Amino acid sequence: MLVGDKKKSVVSTRSSSLTVMTARRIEQLFITLKRGLAGKKTTHVKTAAALGLRGAWKTVVQPNNPAVRGAIDKIKHMVLVETDVSREERLKGEAARGKLAKVTVPHSCRGADASRCPS
């Protein structure tokens, strides 16, 4: 599977210029199990185990080959699949947004905690 890279090369012809995308081969697949395996079909549990998925929201890295893609196809309703390119873009976006500060909300404004409540 090939993905277009952002690098472009321009090939000039007589009448116009033609833009050609350079292709980059996808080497790895990042596979994340979305849900737990309890109550699932035995074949689906075995397929997930063969991919190295042991629990919910655990991610494994597998090579991009037909055998792995076939296993993913069997349990596609249970997994999220990212390529190395798409994962890098997602992680860059998450880093740019940064972490939100925790907000503490008092749930009780009676008794001993009344001094911490806003007036």
PDB file of N, CA and C in Angstrom:
ATOM      1  N   MET A   1       0.835  -1.153   0.000  1.00  0.00           N
ATOM      2  CA  MET A   1       0.000   0.000   0.000  1.00  0.00           C
ATOM      3  C   MET A   1       0.895   1.235   0.000  1.00  0.00           C
ATOM      4  N   LEU A   2       0.589   2.185  -0.844  1.00  0.00           N
ATOM      5  CA  LEU A   2       1.398   3.379  -0.974  1.00  0.00           C
ATOM      6  C   LEU A   2       0.595   4.604  -0.577  1.00  0.00           C
ATOM      7  N   VAL A   3       1.249   5.556   0.008  1.00  0.00           N
ATOM      8  CA  VAL A   3       0.610   6.808   0.410  1.00  0.00           C
ATOM      9  C   VAL A   3       1.408   7.943  -0.189  1.00  0.00           C
ATOM     10  N   GLY A   4       0.719   8.970  -0.684  1.00  0.00           N
ATOM     11  CA  GLY A   4       1.413  10.122  -1.251  1.00  0.00           C
ATOM     12  C   GLY A   4       2.146  10.895  -0.179  1.00  0.00           C
ATOM     13  N   ASP A   5       3.324  11.325  -0.486  1.00  0.00           N
ATOM     14  CA  ASP A   5       4.123  12.115   0.426  1.00  0.00           C
ATOM     15  C   ASP A   5       3.920  13.585   0.069  1.00  0.00           C
ATOM     16  N   LYS A   6       4.257  14.479   0.967  1.00  0.00           N
ATOM     17  CA  LYS A   6       4.047  15.894   0.714  1.00  0.00           C
ATOM     18  C   LYS A   6       5.087  16.471  -0.237  1.00  0.00           C
ATOM     19  N   LYS A   7       6.158  15.756  -0.474  1.00  0.00           N
ATOM     20  CA  LYS A   7       7.169  16.221  -1.405  1.00  0.00           C
ATOM     21  C   LYS A   7       6.654  16.062  -2.831  1.00  0.00           C
ATOM     22  N   LYS A   8       6.785  17.094  -3.606  1.00  0.00           N
ATOM     23  CA  LYS A   8       6.314  17.037  -4.986  1.00  0.00           C
ATOM     24  C   LYS A   8       7.484  17.301  -5.922  1.00  0.00           C
ATOM     25  N   SER A   9       7.455  16.630  -7.039  1.00  0.00           N
ATOM     26  CA  SER A   9       8.445  16.922  -8.063  1.00  0.00           C
ATOM     27  C   SER A   9       7.690  17.376  -9.308  1.00  0.00           C
ATOM     28  N   VAL A  10       8.208  18.365  -9.961  1.00  0.00           N
ATOM     29  CA  VAL A  10       7.531  18.919 -11.130  1.00  0.00           C
ATOM     30  C   VAL A  10       8.265  18.469 -12.382  1.00  0.00           C
ATOM     31  N   VAL A  11       7.494  17.906 -13.289  1.00  0.00           N
ATOM     32  CA  VAL A  11       8.031  17.465 -14.568  1.00  0.00           C
ATOM     33  C   VAL A  11       7.447  18.399 -15.624  1.00  0.00           C
ATOM     34  N   SER A  12       8.297  19.091 -16.338  1.00  0.00           N
ATOM     35  CA  SER A  12       7.780  20.036 -17.332  1.00  0.00           C
ATOM     36  C   SER A  12       7.607  19.346 -18.683  1.00  0.00           C
ATOM     37  N   THR A  13       6.536  19.680 -19.312  1.00  0.00           N
ATOM     38  CA  THR A  13       6.269  19.199 -20.666  1.00  0.00           C
ATOM     39  C   THR A  13       6.185  20.422 -21.574  1.00  0.00           C
ATOM     40  N   ARG A  14       5.882  20.223 -22.830  1.00  0.00           N
ATOM     41  CA  ARG A  14       5.836  21.345 -23.769  1.00  0.00           C
ATOM     42  C   ARG A  14       4.754  22.359 -23.401  1.00  0.00           C
ATOM     43  N   SER A  15       3.536  21.862 -23.121  1.00  0.00           N
ATOM     44  CA  SER A  15       2.432  22.796 -22.934  1.00  0.00           C
ATOM     45  C   SER A  15       2.185  23.171 -21.471  1.00  0.00           C
ATOM     46  N   SER A  16       2.474  22.275 -20.562  1.00  0.00           N
ATOM     47  CA  SER A  16       2.186  22.599 -19.164  1.00  0.00           C
ATOM     48  C   SER A  16       3.105  21.796 -18.254  1.00  0.00           C
ATOM     49  N   SER A  17       3.040  22.118 -16.977  1.00  0.00           N
ATOM     50  CA  SER A  17       3.843  21.349 -16.024  1.00  0.00           C
ATOM     51  C   SER A  17       2.947  20.312 -15.353  1.00  0.00           C
ATOM     52  N   LEU A  18       3.498  19.170 -15.068  1.00  0.00           N
ATOM     53  CA  LEU A  18       2.760  18.055 -14.485  1.00  0.00           C
ATOM     54  C   LEU A  18       3.332  17.776 -13.102  1.00  0.00           C
ATOM     55  N   THR A  19       2.478  17.743 -12.098  1.00  0.00           N
ATOM     56  CA  THR A  19       2.925  17.475 -10.736  1.00  0.00           C
ATOM     57  C   THR A  19       2.798  15.989 -10.458  1.00  0.00           C
ATOM     58  N   VAL A  20       3.881  15.400  -9.981  1.00  0.00           N
ATOM     59  CA  VAL A  20       3.909  13.973  -9.692  1.00  0.00           C
ATOM     60  C   VAL A  20       4.156  13.799  -8.204  1.00  0.00           C
ATOM     61  N   MET A  21       3.305  13.021  -7.541  1.00  0.00           N
ATOM     62  CA  MET A  21       3.478  12.752  -6.117  1.00  0.00           C
ATOM     63  C   MET A  21       4.469  11.605  -5.957  1.00  0.00           C
ATOM     64  N   THR A  22       5.411  11.778  -5.047  1.00  0.00           N
ATOM     65  CA  THR A  22       6.303  10.672  -4.739  1.00  0.00           C
ATOM     66  C   THR A  22       5.612   9.785  -3.723  1.00  0.00           C
ATOM     67  N   ALA A  23       5.683   8.488  -3.889  1.00  0.00           N
ATOM     68  CA  ALA A  23       4.964   7.551  -3.038  1.00  0.00           C
ATOM     69  C   ALA A  23       5.883   7.007  -1.950  1.00  0.00           C
ATOM     70  N   ARG A  24       5.302   6.788  -0.787  1.00  0.00           N
ATOM     71  CA  ARG A  24       6.039   6.206   0.335  1.00  0.00           C
ATOM     72  C   ARG A  24       5.343   4.918   0.750  1.00  0.00           C
ATOM     73  N   ARG A  25       6.098   3.878   0.891  1.00  0.00           N
ATOM     74  CA  ARG A  25       5.532   2.575   1.245  1.00  0.00           C
ATOM     75  C   ARG A  25       5.209   2.539   2.732  1.00  0.00           C
ATOM     76  N   ILE A  26       4.025   2.030   3.052  1.00  0.00           N
ATOM     77  CA  ILE A  26       3.607   1.892   4.443  1.00  0.00           C
ATOM     78  C   ILE A  26       4.244   0.616   4.981  1.00  0.00           C
ATOM     79  N   GLU A  27       5.088   0.765   5.971  1.00  0.00           N
ATOM     80  CA  GLU A  27       5.829  -0.366   6.529  1.00  0.00           C
ATOM     81  C   GLU A  27       5.110  -1.024   7.692  1.00  0.00           C
ATOM     82  N   GLN A  28       4.471  -0.221   8.546  1.00  0.00           N
ATOM     83  CA  GLN A  28       3.895  -0.755   9.777  1.00  0.00           C
ATOM     84  C   GLN A  28       2.439  -0.352   9.915  1.00  0.00           C
ATOM     85  N   LEU A  29       1.689  -1.207  10.612  1.00  0.00           N
ATOM     86  CA  LEU A  29       0.306  -0.921  10.966  1.00  0.00           C
ATOM     87  C   LEU A  29       0.197  -0.909  12.483  1.00  0.00           C
ATOM     88  N   PHE A  30      -0.450   0.108  13.022  1.00  0.00           N
ATOM     89  CA  PHE A  30      -0.706   0.196  14.455  1.00  0.00           C
ATOM     90  C   PHE A  30      -2.148  -0.237  14.664  1.00  0.00           C
ATOM     91  N   ILE A  31      -2.333  -1.339  15.383  1.00  0.00           N
ATOM     92  CA  ILE A  31      -3.653  -1.947  15.560  1.00  0.00           C
ATOM     93  C   ILE A  31      -4.052  -1.811  17.027  1.00  0.00           C
ATOM     94  N   THR A  32      -5.233  -1.238  17.277  1.00  0.00           N
ATOM     95  CA  THR A  32      -5.731  -1.034  18.632  1.00  0.00           C
ATOM     96  C   THR A  32      -7.047  -1.770  18.796  1.00  0.00           C
ATOM     97  N   LEU A  33      -7.159  -2.551  19.859  1.00  0.00           N
ATOM     98  CA  LEU A  33      -8.400  -3.265  20.162  1.00  0.00           C
ATOM     99  C   LEU A  33      -9.356  -2.296  20.840  1.00  0.00           C
ATOM    100  N   LYS A  34     -10.536  -2.052  20.230  1.00  0.00           N
ATOM    101  CA  LYS A  34     -11.473  -1.064  20.742  1.00  0.00           C
ATOM    102  C   LYS A  34     -12.272  -1.559  21.939  1.00  0.00           C
ATOM    103  N   ARG A  35     -12.611  -2.838  21.952  1.00  0.00           N
ATOM    104  CA  ARG A  35     -13.451  -3.400  23.010  1.00  0.00           C
ATOM    105  C   ARG A  35     -12.785  -4.641  23.569  1.00  0.00           C
ATOM    106  N   GLY A  36     -13.259  -5.094  24.716  1.00  0.00           N
ATOM    107  CA  GLY A  36     -12.722  -6.306  25.317  1.00  0.00           C
ATOM    108  C   GLY A  36     -13.120  -7.545  24.531  1.00  0.00           C
ATOM    109  N   LEU A  37     -12.522  -8.666  24.872  1.00  0.00           N
ATOM    110  CA  LEU A  37     -12.767  -9.907  24.141  1.00  0.00           C
ATOM    111  C   LEU A  37     -13.810 -10.797  24.801  1.00  0.00           C
ATOM    112  N   ALA A  38     -14.315 -10.401  25.959  1.00  0.00           N
ATOM    113  CA  ALA A  38     -15.301 -11.217  26.662  1.00  0.00           C
ATOM    114  C   ALA A  38     -16.589 -11.316  25.839  1.00  0.00           C
ATOM    115  N   GLY A  39     -17.083 -12.524  25.678  1.00  0.00           N
ATOM    116  CA  GLY A  39     -18.330 -12.753  24.966  1.00  0.00           C
ATOM    117  C   GLY A  39     -18.209 -12.763  23.455  1.00  0.00           C
ATOM    118  N   LYS A  40     -17.018 -12.673  22.938  1.00  0.00           N
ATOM    119  CA  LYS A  40     -16.822 -12.669  21.487  1.00  0.00           C
ATOM    120  C   LYS A  40     -16.666 -14.094  20.972  1.00  0.00           C
ATOM    121  N   LYS A  41     -16.823 -14.280  19.673  1.00  0.00           N
ATOM    122  CA  LYS A  41     -16.662 -15.599  19.072  1.00  0.00           C
ATOM    123  C   LYS A  41     -15.231 -16.094  19.283  1.00  0.00           C
ATOM    124  N   THR A  42     -15.099 -17.396  19.411  1.00  0.00           N
ATOM    125  CA  THR A  42     -13.796 -18.006  19.656  1.00  0.00           C
ATOM    126  C   THR A  42     -12.808 -17.671  18.539  1.00  0.00           C
ATOM    127  N   THR A  43     -13.279 -17.674  17.299  1.00  0.00           N
ATOM    128  CA  THR A  43     -12.374 -17.377  16.184  1.00  0.00           C
ATOM    129  C   THR A  43     -11.880 -15.928  16.248  1.00  0.00           C
ATOM    130  N   HIS A  44     -12.748 -15.018  16.703  1.00  0.00           N
ATOM    131  CA  HIS A  44     -12.341 -13.621  16.818  1.00  0.00           C
ATOM    132  C   HIS A  44     -11.327 -13.440  17.938  1.00  0.00           C
ATOM    133  N   VAL A  45     -11.521 -14.152  19.041  1.00  0.00           N
ATOM    134  CA  VAL A  45     -10.581 -14.085  20.169  1.00  0.00           C
ATOM    135  C   VAL A  45      -9.222 -14.628  19.744  1.00  0.00           C
ATOM    136  N   LYS A  46      -9.214 -15.733  19.016  1.00  0.00           N
ATOM    137  CA  LYS A  46      -7.959 -16.329  18.559  1.00  0.00           C
ATOM    138  C   LYS A  46      -7.256 -15.442  17.536  1.00  0.00           C
ATOM    139  N   THR A  47      -8.027 -14.795  16.676  1.00  0.00           N
ATOM    140  CA  THR A  47      -7.439 -13.886  15.692  1.00  0.00           C
ATOM    141  C   THR A  47      -6.807 -12.686  16.392  1.00  0.00           C
ATOM    142  N   ALA A  48      -7.488 -12.134  17.387  1.00  0.00           N
ATOM    143  CA  ALA A  48      -6.940 -11.007  18.147  1.00  0.00           C
ATOM    144  C   ALA A  48      -5.665 -11.427  18.880  1.00  0.00           C
ATOM    145  N   ALA A  49      -5.678 -12.629  19.445  1.00  0.00           N
ATOM    146  CA  ALA A  49      -4.488 -13.128  20.145  1.00  0.00           C
ATOM    147  C   ALA A  49      -3.331 -13.333  19.166  1.00  0.00           C
ATOM    148  N   ALA A  50      -3.633 -13.802  17.968  1.00  0.00           N
ATOM    149  CA  ALA A  50      -2.585 -14.004  16.965  1.00  0.00           C
ATOM    150  C   ALA A  50      -1.959 -12.675  16.538  1.00  0.00           C
ATOM    151  N   LEU A  51      -2.748 -11.606  16.571  1.00  0.00           N
ATOM    152  CA  LEU A  51      -2.220 -10.284  16.251  1.00  0.00           C
ATOM    153  C   LEU A  51      -1.465  -9.674  17.424  1.00  0.00           C
ATOM    154  N   GLY A  52      -1.580 -10.286  18.606  1.00  0.00           N
ATOM    155  CA  GLY A  52      -0.881  -9.779  19.783  1.00  0.00           C
ATOM    156  C   GLY A  52      -1.730  -8.870  20.644  1.00  0.00           C
ATOM    157  N   LEU A  53      -3.037  -8.803  20.355  1.00  0.00           N
ATOM    158  CA  LEU A  53      -3.937  -7.947  21.121  1.00  0.00           C
ATOM    159  C   LEU A  53      -4.429  -8.704  22.344  1.00  0.00           C
ATOM    160  N   ARG A  54      -4.169  -8.177  23.527  1.00  0.00           N
ATOM    161  CA  ARG A  54      -4.496  -8.881  24.766  1.00  0.00           C
ATOM    162  C   ARG A  54      -5.626  -8.244  25.556  1.00  0.00           C
ATOM    163  N   GLY A  55      -5.832  -6.948  25.417  1.00  0.00           N
ATOM    164  CA  GLY A  55      -6.860  -6.281  26.205  1.00  0.00           C
ATOM    165  C   GLY A  55      -7.377  -5.050  25.493  1.00  0.00           C
ATOM    166  N   ALA A  56      -8.456  -4.493  26.027  1.00  0.00           N
ATOM    167  CA  ALA A  56      -9.078  -3.328  25.413  1.00  0.00           C
ATOM    168  C   ALA A  56      -8.129  -2.137  25.431  1.00  0.00           C
ATOM    169  N   TRP A  57      -8.111  -1.391  24.338  1.00  0.00           N
ATOM    170  CA  TRP A  57      -7.310  -0.188  24.139  1.00  0.00           C
ATOM    171  C   TRP A  57      -5.810  -0.438  24.236  1.00  0.00           C
ATOM    172  N   LYS A  58      -5.388  -1.655  23.940  1.00  0.00           N
ATOM    173  CA  LYS A  58      -3.970  -1.976  23.823  1.00  0.00           C
ATOM    174  C   LYS A  58      -3.609  -1.902  22.341  1.00  0.00           C
ATOM    175  N   THR A  59      -2.449  -1.358  22.063  1.00  0.00           N
ATOM    176  CA  THR A  59      -2.008  -1.179  20.682  1.00  0.00           C
ATOM    177  C   THR A  59      -0.769  -2.027  20.414  1.00  0.00           C
ATOM    178  N   VAL A  60      -0.753  -2.671  19.254  1.00  0.00           N
ATOM    179  CA  VAL A  60       0.406  -3.440  18.822  1.00  0.00           C
ATOM    180  C   VAL A  60       0.838  -2.932  17.452  1.00  0.00           C
ATOM    181  N   VAL A  61       2.088  -3.188  17.130  1.00  0.00           N
ATOM    182  CA  VAL A  61       2.634  -2.816  15.823  1.00  0.00           C
ATOM    183  C   VAL A  61       2.873  -4.098  15.048  1.00  0.00           C
ATOM    184  N   GLN A  62       2.322  -4.163  13.845  1.00  0.00           N
ATOM    185  CA  GLN A  62       2.481  -5.341  12.986  1.00  0.00           C
ATOM    186  C   GLN A  62       2.976  -4.882  11.622  1.00  0.00           C
ATOM    187  N   PRO A  63       3.676  -5.749  10.910  1.00  0.00           N
ATOM    188  CA  PRO A  63       4.111  -5.377   9.557  1.00  0.00           C
ATOM    189  C   PRO A  63       2.920  -5.318   8.610  1.00  0.00           C
ATOM    190  N   ASN A  64       3.062  -4.538   7.578  1.00  0.00           N
ATOM    191  CA  ASN A  64       2.004  -4.413   6.583  1.00  0.00           C
ATOM    192  C   ASN A  64       2.195  -5.496   5.530  1.00  0.00           C
ATOM    193  N   ASN A  65       1.504  -6.623   5.713  1.00  0.00           N
ATOM    194  CA  ASN A  65       1.568  -7.704   4.735  1.00  0.00           C
ATOM    195  C   ASN A  65       0.176  -8.320   4.588  1.00  0.00           C
ATOM    196  N   PRO A  66      -0.050  -9.128   3.563  1.00  0.00           N
ATOM    197  CA  PRO A  66      -1.381  -9.671   3.315  1.00  0.00           C
ATOM    198  C   PRO A  66      -1.933 -10.529   4.464  1.00  0.00           C
ATOM    199  N   ALA A  67      -1.079 -11.258   5.173  1.00  0.00           N
ATOM    200  CA  ALA A  67      -1.545 -12.101   6.269  1.00  0.00           C
ATOM    201  C   ALA A  67      -2.121 -11.259   7.403  1.00  0.00           C
ATOM    202  N   VAL A  68      -1.439 -10.195   7.754  1.00  0.00           N
ATOM    203  CA  VAL A  68      -1.911  -9.318   8.826  1.00  0.00           C
ATOM    204  C   VAL A  68      -3.171  -8.583   8.390  1.00  0.00           C
ATOM    205  N   ARG A  69      -3.200  -8.105   7.158  1.00  0.00           N
ATOM    206  CA  ARG A  69      -4.400  -7.414   6.671  1.00  0.00           C
ATOM    207  C   ARG A  69      -5.598  -8.350   6.620  1.00  0.00           C
ATOM    208  N   GLY A  70      -5.384  -9.632   6.315  1.00  0.00           N
ATOM    209  CA  GLY A  70      -6.482 -10.603   6.325  1.00  0.00           C
ATOM    210  C   GLY A  70      -7.013 -10.832   7.726  1.00  0.00           C
ATOM    211  N   ALA A  71      -6.119 -10.909   8.717  1.00  0.00           N
ATOM    212  CA  ALA A  71      -6.541 -11.071  10.106  1.00  0.00           C
ATOM    213  C   ALA A  71      -7.306  -9.840  10.576  1.00  0.00           C
ATOM    214  N   ILE A  72      -6.854  -8.662  10.179  1.00  0.00           N
ATOM    215  CA  ILE A  72      -7.550  -7.425  10.539  1.00  0.00           C
ATOM    216  C   ILE A  72      -8.947  -7.418   9.920  1.00  0.00           C
ATOM    217  N   ASP A  73      -9.051  -7.905   8.693  1.00  0.00           N
ATOM    218  CA  ASP A  73     -10.347  -7.932   8.017  1.00  0.00           C
ATOM    219  C   ASP A  73     -11.346  -8.817   8.755  1.00  0.00           C
ATOM    220  N   LYS A  74     -10.879  -9.901   9.397  1.00  0.00           N
ATOM    221  CA  LYS A  74     -11.776 -10.786  10.151  1.00  0.00           C
ATOM    222  C   LYS A  74     -12.365 -10.103  11.369  1.00  0.00           C
ATOM    223  N   ILE A  75     -11.589  -9.198  11.988  1.00  0.00           N
ATOM    224  CA  ILE A  75     -12.067  -8.551  13.213  1.00  0.00           C
ATOM    225  C   ILE A  75     -12.107  -7.026  13.060  1.00  0.00           C
ATOM    226  N   LYS A  76     -12.424  -6.569  11.854  1.00  0.00           N
ATOM    227  CA  LYS A  76     -12.398  -5.133  11.578  1.00  0.00           C
ATOM    228  C   LYS A  76     -13.399  -4.345  12.421  1.00  0.00           C
ATOM    229  N   HIS A  77     -14.446  -4.985  12.903  1.00  0.00           N
ATOM    230  CA  HIS A  77     -15.432  -4.307  13.745  1.00  0.00           C
ATOM    231  C   HIS A  77     -14.931  -4.119  15.181  1.00  0.00           C
ATOM    232  N   MET A  78     -13.812  -4.739  15.529  1.00  0.00           N
ATOM    233  CA  MET A  78     -13.283  -4.682  16.892  1.00  0.00           C
ATOM    234  C   MET A  78     -11.998  -3.872  17.023  1.00  0.00           C
ATOM    235  N   VAL A  79     -11.430  -3.429  15.910  1.00  0.00           N
ATOM    236  CA  VAL A  79     -10.107  -2.794  15.964  1.00  0.00           C
ATOM    237  C   VAL A  79     -10.088  -1.438  15.255  1.00  0.00           C
ATOM    238  N   LEU A  80      -9.126  -0.614  15.642  1.00  0.00           N
ATOM    239  CA  LEU A  80      -8.771   0.611  14.928  1.00  0.00           C
ATOM    240  C   LEU A  80      -7.413   0.370  14.295  1.00  0.00           C
ATOM    241  N   VAL A  81      -7.250   0.738  13.040  1.00  0.00           N
ATOM    242  CA  VAL A  81      -5.991   0.511  12.337  1.00  0.00           C
ATOM    243  C   VAL A  81      -5.464   1.852  11.845  1.00  0.00           C
ATOM    244  N   GLU A  82      -4.206   2.132  12.176  1.00  0.00           N
ATOM    245  CA  GLU A  82      -3.538   3.348  11.717  1.00  0.00           C
ATOM    246  C   GLU A  82      -2.254   2.950  11.000  1.00  0.00           C
ATOM    247  N   THR A  83      -1.918   3.707   9.984  1.00  0.00           N
ATOM    248  CA  THR A  83      -0.631   3.517   9.341  1.00  0.00           C
ATOM    249  C   THR A  83       0.404   4.337  10.096  1.00  0.00           C
ATOM    250  N   ASP A  84       1.666   4.103   9.806  1.00  0.00           N
ATOM    251  CA  ASP A  84       2.705   4.882  10.481  1.00  0.00           C
ATOM    252  C   ASP A  84       2.583   6.370  10.151  1.00  0.00           C
ATOM    253  N   VAL A  85       2.152   6.686   8.936  1.00  0.00           N
ATOM    254  CA  VAL A  85       1.996   8.081   8.521  1.00  0.00           C
ATOM    255  C   VAL A  85       0.829   8.739   9.266  1.00  0.00           C
ATOM    256  N   SER A  86      -0.324   8.076   9.288  1.00  0.00           N
ATOM    257  CA  SER A  86      -1.492   8.664   9.943  1.00  0.00           C
ATOM    258  C   SER A  86      -1.300   8.771  11.447  1.00  0.00           C
ATOM    259  N   ARG A  87      -0.582   7.840  12.049  1.00  0.00           N
ATOM    260  CA  ARG A  87      -0.327   7.910  13.492  1.00  0.00           C
ATOM    261  C   ARG A  87       0.567   9.096  13.827  1.00  0.00           C
ATOM    262  N   GLU A  88       1.606   9.333  13.009  1.00  0.00           N
ATOM    263  CA  GLU A  88       2.478  10.480  13.235  1.00  0.00           C
ATOM    264  C   GLU A  88       1.692  11.785  13.170  1.00  0.00           C
ATOM    265  N   GLU A  89       0.801  11.907  12.178  1.00  0.00           N
ATOM    266  CA  GLU A  89      -0.010  13.115  12.043  1.00  0.00           C
ATOM    267  C   GLU A  89      -0.932  13.293  13.240  1.00  0.00           C
ATOM    268  N   ARG A  90      -1.563  12.211  13.700  1.00  0.00           N
ATOM    269  CA  ARG A  90      -2.465  12.299  14.853  1.00  0.00           C
ATOM    270  C   ARG A  90      -1.699  12.704  16.105  1.00  0.00           C
ATOM    271  N   LEU A  91      -0.539  12.121  16.335  1.00  0.00           N
ATOM    272  CA  LEU A  91       0.244  12.450  17.526  1.00  0.00           C
ATOM    273  C   LEU A  91       0.757  13.893  17.489  1.00  0.00           C
ATOM    274  N   LYS A  92       1.119  14.383  16.305  1.00  0.00           N
ATOM    275  CA  LYS A  92       1.533  15.785  16.180  1.00  0.00           C
ATOM    276  C   LYS A  92       0.371  16.715  16.512  1.00  0.00           C
ATOM    277  N   GLY A  93      -0.820  16.377  16.045  1.00  0.00           N
ATOM    278  CA  GLY A  93      -2.000  17.191  16.333  1.00  0.00           C
ATOM    279  C   GLY A  93      -2.329  17.210  17.808  1.00  0.00           C
ATOM    280  N   GLU A  94      -2.217  16.047  18.463  1.00  0.00           N
ATOM    281  CA  GLU A  94      -2.484  15.978  19.897  1.00  0.00           C
ATOM    282  C   GLU A  94      -1.449  16.774  20.683  1.00  0.00           C
ATOM    283  N   ALA A  95      -0.191  16.728  20.263  1.00  0.00           N
ATOM    284  CA  ALA A  95       0.857  17.485  20.954  1.00  0.00           C
ATOM    285  C   ALA A  95       0.643  18.987  20.772  1.00  0.00           C
ATOM    286  N   ALA A  96       0.168  19.407  19.597  1.00  0.00           N
ATOM    287  CA  ALA A  96      -0.060  20.826  19.339  1.00  0.00           C
ATOM    288  C   ALA A  96      -1.207  21.365  20.193  1.00  0.00           C
ATOM    289  N   ARG A  97      -2.230  20.545  20.401  1.00  0.00           N
ATOM    290  CA  ARG A  97      -3.358  20.984  21.230  1.00  0.00           C
ATOM    291  C   ARG A  97      -2.965  21.085  22.685  1.00  0.00           C
ATOM    292  N   GLY A  98      -2.068  20.224  23.115  1.00  0.00           N
ATOM    293  CA  GLY A  98      -1.606  20.242  24.505  1.00  0.00           C
ATOM    294  C   GLY A  98      -2.617  19.607  25.442  1.00  0.00           C
ATOM    295  N   LYS A  99      -2.233  19.522  26.682  1.00  0.00           N
ATOM    296  CA  LYS A  99      -3.089  18.927  27.704  1.00  0.00           C
ATOM    297  C   LYS A  99      -3.927  20.024  28.349  1.00  0.00           C
ATOM    298  N   LEU A 100      -5.175  19.718  28.654  1.00  0.00           N
ATOM    299  CA  LEU A 100      -6.043  20.652  29.354  1.00  0.00           C
ATOM    300  C   LEU A 100      -5.774  20.564  30.851  1.00  0.00           C
ATOM    301  N   ALA A 101      -5.860  21.694  31.524  1.00  0.00           N
ATOM    302  CA  ALA A 101      -5.666  21.712  32.972  1.00  0.00           C
ATOM    303  C   ALA A 101      -6.854  21.048  33.654  1.00  0.00           C
ATOM    304  N   LYS A 102      -6.597  20.372  34.775  1.00  0.00           N
ATOM    305  CA  LYS A 102      -7.664  19.719  35.515  1.00  0.00           C
ATOM    306  C   LYS A 102      -8.489  20.772  36.247  1.00  0.00           C
ATOM    307  N   VAL A 103      -9.777  20.600  36.238  1.00  0.00           N
ATOM    308  CA  VAL A 103     -10.686  21.504  36.925  1.00  0.00           C
ATOM    309  C   VAL A 103     -11.278  20.746  38.099  1.00  0.00           C
ATOM    310  N   THR A 104     -11.168  21.307  39.297  1.00  0.00           N
ATOM    311  CA  THR A 104     -11.719  20.680  40.489  1.00  0.00           C
ATOM    312  C   THR A 104     -13.021  21.382  40.841  1.00  0.00           C
ATOM    313  N   VAL A 105     -14.090  20.610  40.950  1.00  0.00           N
ATOM    314  CA  VAL A 105     -15.396  21.160  41.287  1.00  0.00           C
ATOM    315  C   VAL A 105     -15.825  20.567  42.619  1.00  0.00           C
ATOM    316  N   PRO A 106     -16.068  21.394  43.643  1.00  0.00           N
ATOM    317  CA  PRO A 106     -16.558  20.851  44.916  1.00  0.00           C
ATOM    318  C   PRO A 106     -18.008  20.417  44.757  1.00  0.00           C
ATOM    319  N   HIS A 107     -18.335  19.229  45.231  1.00  0.00           N
ATOM    320  CA  HIS A 107     -19.689  18.705  45.094  1.00  0.00           C
ATOM    321  C   HIS A 107     -20.528  18.936  46.332  1.00  0.00           C
ATOM    322  N   SER A 108     -19.900  19.353  47.405  1.00  0.00           N
ATOM    323  CA  SER A 108     -20.643  19.579  48.633  1.00  0.00           C
ATOM    324  C   SER A 108     -20.215  20.916  49.223  1.00  0.00           C
ATOM    325  N   CYS A 109     -21.148  21.801  49.435  1.00  0.00           N
ATOM    326  CA  CYS A 109     -20.857  23.111  50.015  1.00  0.00           C
ATOM    327  C   CYS A 109     -21.480  23.238  51.397  1.00  0.00           C
ATOM    328  N   ARG A 110     -21.629  22.125  52.080  1.00  0.00           N
ATOM    329  CA  ARG A 110     -22.189  22.141  53.428  1.00  0.00           C
ATOM    330  C   ARG A 110     -21.170  21.603  54.404  1.00  0.00           C
ATOM    331  N   GLY A 111     -21.280  21.995  55.630  1.00  0.00           N
ATOM    332  CA  GLY A 111     -20.448  21.437  56.686  1.00  0.00           C
ATOM    333  C   GLY A 111     -19.021  21.932  56.641  1.00  0.00           C
ATOM    334  N   ALA A 112     -18.079  21.000  56.826  1.00  0.00           N
ATOM    335  CA  ALA A 112     -16.661  21.343  56.935  1.00  0.00           C
ATOM    336  C   ALA A 112     -16.080  21.878  55.642  1.00  0.00           C
ATOM    337  N   ASP A 113     -16.658  21.507  54.490  1.00  0.00           N
ATOM    338  CA  ASP A 113     -16.122  21.957  53.202  1.00  0.00           C
ATOM    339  C   ASP A 113     -16.689  23.283  52.754  1.00  0.00           C
ATOM    340  N   ALA A 114     -17.490  23.959  53.576  1.00  0.00           N
ATOM    341  CA  ALA A 114     -18.126  25.216  53.189  1.00  0.00           C
ATOM    342  C   ALA A 114     -17.110  26.312  52.960  1.00  0.00           C
ATOM    343  N   SER A 115     -15.945  26.244  53.615  1.00  0.00           N
ATOM    344  CA  SER A 115     -14.934  27.289  53.446  1.00  0.00           C
ATOM    345  C   SER A 115     -14.315  27.257  52.056  1.00  0.00           C
ATOM    346  N   ARG A 116     -14.341  26.100  51.379  1.00  0.00           N
ATOM    347  CA  ARG A 116     -13.746  25.978  50.040  1.00  0.00           C
ATOM    348  C   ARG A 116     -14.710  26.341  48.932  1.00  0.00           C
ATOM    349  N   CYS A 117     -15.963  26.524  49.236  1.00  0.00           N
ATOM    350  CA  CYS A 117     -16.975  26.814  48.228  1.00  0.00           C
ATOM    351  C   CYS A 117     -16.906  28.264  47.789  1.00  0.00           C
ATOM    352  N   PRO A 118     -17.178  28.535  46.512  1.00  0.00           N
ATOM    353  CA  PRO A 118     -17.205  29.926  46.054  1.00  0.00           C
ATOM    354  C   PRO A 118     -18.401  30.660  46.662  1.00  0.00           C
ATOM    355  N   SER A 119     -18.232  31.935  46.906  1.00  0.00           N
ATOM    356  CA  SER A 119     -19.344  32.669  47.515  1.00  0.00           C
ATOM    357  C   SER A 119     -20.280  33.225  46.495  1.00  0.00           C
TER     358      SER A 119
END
